[in-house]
Amino acid sequence: MSEHELLLVQLGDALSKVARPHRCDDQLPAEVRMSLWQLGFPCSELTSREELIARLWARKRRVLTAMQPEWGGPPVTPPAAA
């Protein structure tokens, strides 16, 4: 598994933990906050889930974009019509 693929799995796991249904007054569990810190998302008890979800999705989009090769058009130009 490549580094990008591993990061995508980790980001997906973090998203599933942060985005799961919760009560308004629930804080993120300590182990979730710790895993977010390890992924480069510093957060505290006061960091909103909405903010974290937006940041996680932004990182996931960047990784997905980096993994996809740029499309440079068709590889061969079709012959001109006579």
C-alpha atoms as a PDB file:
ATOM      1  CA  MET A   1       0.000   0.000   0.000  1.00  0.00           C
ATOM      2  CA  SER A   2       1.424   3.362  -0.999  1.00  0.00           C
ATOM      3  CA  GLU A   3       1.851   6.290   1.366  1.00  0.00           C
ATOM      4  CA  HIS A   4      -1.051   8.126  -0.286  1.00  0.00           C
ATOM      5  CA  GLU A   5      -3.328   5.096  -0.001  1.00  0.00           C
ATOM      6  CA  LEU A   6      -2.463   4.664   3.671  1.00  0.00           C
ATOM      7  CA  LEU A   7      -3.165   8.341   4.324  1.00  0.00           C
ATOM      8  CA  LEU A   8      -6.539   8.028   2.575  1.00  0.00           C
ATOM      9  CA  VAL A   9      -7.461   5.102   4.827  1.00  0.00           C
ATOM     10  CA  GLN A  10      -6.409   7.051   7.929  1.00  0.00           C
ATOM     11  CA  LEU A  11      -8.348  10.138   6.825  1.00  0.00           C
ATOM     12  CA  GLY A  12     -11.420   7.998   6.121  1.00  0.00           C
ATOM     13  CA  ASP A  13     -11.196   6.410   9.563  1.00  0.00           C
ATOM     14  CA  ALA A  14     -10.858   9.823  11.205  1.00  0.00           C
ATOM     15  CA  LEU A  15     -13.824  11.169   9.228  1.00  0.00           C
ATOM     16  CA  SER A  16     -15.991   8.244  10.280  1.00  0.00           C
ATOM     17  CA  LYS A  17     -15.132   8.838  13.939  1.00  0.00           C
ATOM     18  CA  VAL A  18     -15.620  12.622  13.843  1.00  0.00           C
ATOM     19  CA  ALA A  19     -18.749  12.650  11.664  1.00  0.00           C
ATOM     20  CA  ARG A  20     -20.732   9.996  13.526  1.00  0.00           C
ATOM     21  CA  PRO A  21     -23.946  11.143  15.221  1.00  0.00           C
ATOM     22  CA  HIS A  22     -23.442  12.797  18.599  1.00  0.00           C
ATOM     23  CA  ARG A  23     -25.201  14.951  21.157  1.00  0.00           C
ATOM     24  CA  CYS A  24     -24.619  18.693  21.006  1.00  0.00           C
ATOM     25  CA  ASP A  25     -22.679  18.704  24.272  1.00  0.00           C
ATOM     26  CA  ASP A  26     -20.490  15.683  23.423  1.00  0.00           C
ATOM     27  CA  GLN A  27     -16.775  16.304  23.059  1.00  0.00           C
ATOM     28  CA  LEU A  28     -14.471  14.277  20.882  1.00  0.00           C
ATOM     29  CA  PRO A  29     -13.006  11.318  22.762  1.00  0.00           C
ATOM     30  CA  ALA A  30      -9.345  11.691  23.728  1.00  0.00           C
ATOM     31  CA  GLU A  31      -8.218   8.841  21.443  1.00  0.00           C
ATOM     32  CA  VAL A  32      -9.900  10.524  18.453  1.00  0.00           C
ATOM     33  CA  ARG A  33      -8.224  13.849  19.260  1.00  0.00           C
ATOM     34  CA  MET A  34      -4.881  12.046  19.578  1.00  0.00           C
ATOM     35  CA  SER A  35      -5.288  10.360  16.182  1.00  0.00           C
ATOM     36  CA  LEU A  36      -6.191  13.746  14.649  1.00  0.00           C
ATOM     37  CA  TRP A  37      -3.009  15.258  16.120  1.00  0.00           C
ATOM     38  CA  GLN A  38      -0.992  12.404  14.578  1.00  0.00           C
ATOM     39  CA  LEU A  39      -2.531  13.218  11.185  1.00  0.00           C
ATOM     40  CA  GLY A  40      -1.563  16.882  11.553  1.00  0.00           C
ATOM     41  CA  PHE A  41      -4.887  18.277  12.775  1.00  0.00           C
ATOM     42  CA  PRO A  42      -4.278  20.011  16.098  1.00  0.00           C
ATOM     43  CA  CYS A  43      -7.516  20.206  18.056  1.00  0.00           C
ATOM     44  CA  SER A  44      -8.829  20.612  21.570  1.00  0.00           C
ATOM     45  CA  GLU A  45     -12.096  19.996  23.380  1.00  0.00           C
ATOM     46  CA  LEU A  46     -13.326  23.316  21.963  1.00  0.00           C
ATOM     47  CA  THR A  47     -12.662  22.493  18.296  1.00  0.00           C
ATOM     48  CA  SER A  48     -15.976  21.945  16.524  1.00  0.00           C
ATOM     49  CA  ARG A  49     -16.676  18.748  14.659  1.00  0.00           C
ATOM     50  CA  GLU A  50     -17.842  20.789  11.661  1.00  0.00           C
ATOM     51  CA  GLU A  51     -14.451  22.508  11.433  1.00  0.00           C
ATOM     52  CA  LEU A  52     -12.608  19.191  11.686  1.00  0.00           C
ATOM     53  CA  ILE A  53     -14.826  17.550   9.064  1.00  0.00           C
ATOM     54  CA  ALA A  54     -14.174  20.416   6.641  1.00  0.00           C
ATOM     55  CA  ARG A  55     -10.410  20.217   7.247  1.00  0.00           C
ATOM     56  CA  LEU A  56     -10.341  16.416   6.901  1.00  0.00           C
ATOM     57  CA  TRP A  57     -12.287  16.530   3.613  1.00  0.00           C
ATOM     58  CA  ALA A  58     -10.007  19.274   2.277  1.00  0.00           C
ATOM     59  CA  ARG A  59      -6.927  17.130   2.988  1.00  0.00           C
ATOM     60  CA  LYS A  60      -8.599  14.050   1.504  1.00  0.00           C
ATOM     61  CA  ARG A  61      -9.419  15.976  -1.701  1.00  0.00           C
ATOM     62  CA  ARG A  62      -5.800  17.171  -1.970  1.00  0.00           C
ATOM     63  CA  VAL A  63      -4.485  13.619  -1.578  1.00  0.00           C
ATOM     64  CA  LEU A  64      -6.951  12.251  -4.139  1.00  0.00           C
ATOM     65  CA  THR A  65      -6.017  15.008  -6.591  1.00  0.00           C
ATOM     66  CA  ALA A  66      -2.317  14.282  -6.106  1.00  0.00           C
ATOM     67  CA  MET A  67      -2.902  10.588  -6.809  1.00  0.00           C
ATOM     68  CA  GLN A  68      -4.748  11.150 -10.096  1.00  0.00           C
ATOM     69  CA  PRO A  69      -2.564  11.796 -13.120  1.00  0.00           C
ATOM     70  CA  GLU A  70      -3.286  14.922 -15.092  1.00  0.00           C
ATOM     71  CA  TRP A  71      -5.255  14.332 -18.243  1.00  0.00           C
ATOM     72  CA  GLY A  72      -3.376  15.828 -21.148  1.00  0.00           C
ATOM     73  CA  GLY A  73      -5.952  15.140 -23.813  1.00  0.00           C
ATOM     74  CA  PRO A  74      -6.034  12.256 -26.252  1.00  0.00           C
ATOM     75  CA  PRO A  75      -2.656  10.588 -26.790  1.00  0.00           C
ATOM     76  CA  VAL A  76      -2.943  10.633 -30.591  1.00  0.00           C
ATOM     77  CA  THR A  77      -4.417  13.360 -32.757  1.00  0.00           C
ATOM     78  CA  PRO A  78      -6.955  11.862 -35.161  1.00  0.00           C
ATOM     79  CA  PRO A  79      -6.279  12.374 -38.877  1.00  0.00           C
ATOM     80  CA  ALA A  80      -7.859  15.394 -40.519  1.00  0.00           C
ATOM     81  CA  ALA A  81     -10.995  14.805 -42.552  1.00  0.00           C
ATOM     82  CA  ALA A  82     -10.445  14.848 -46.315  1.00  0.00           C
END
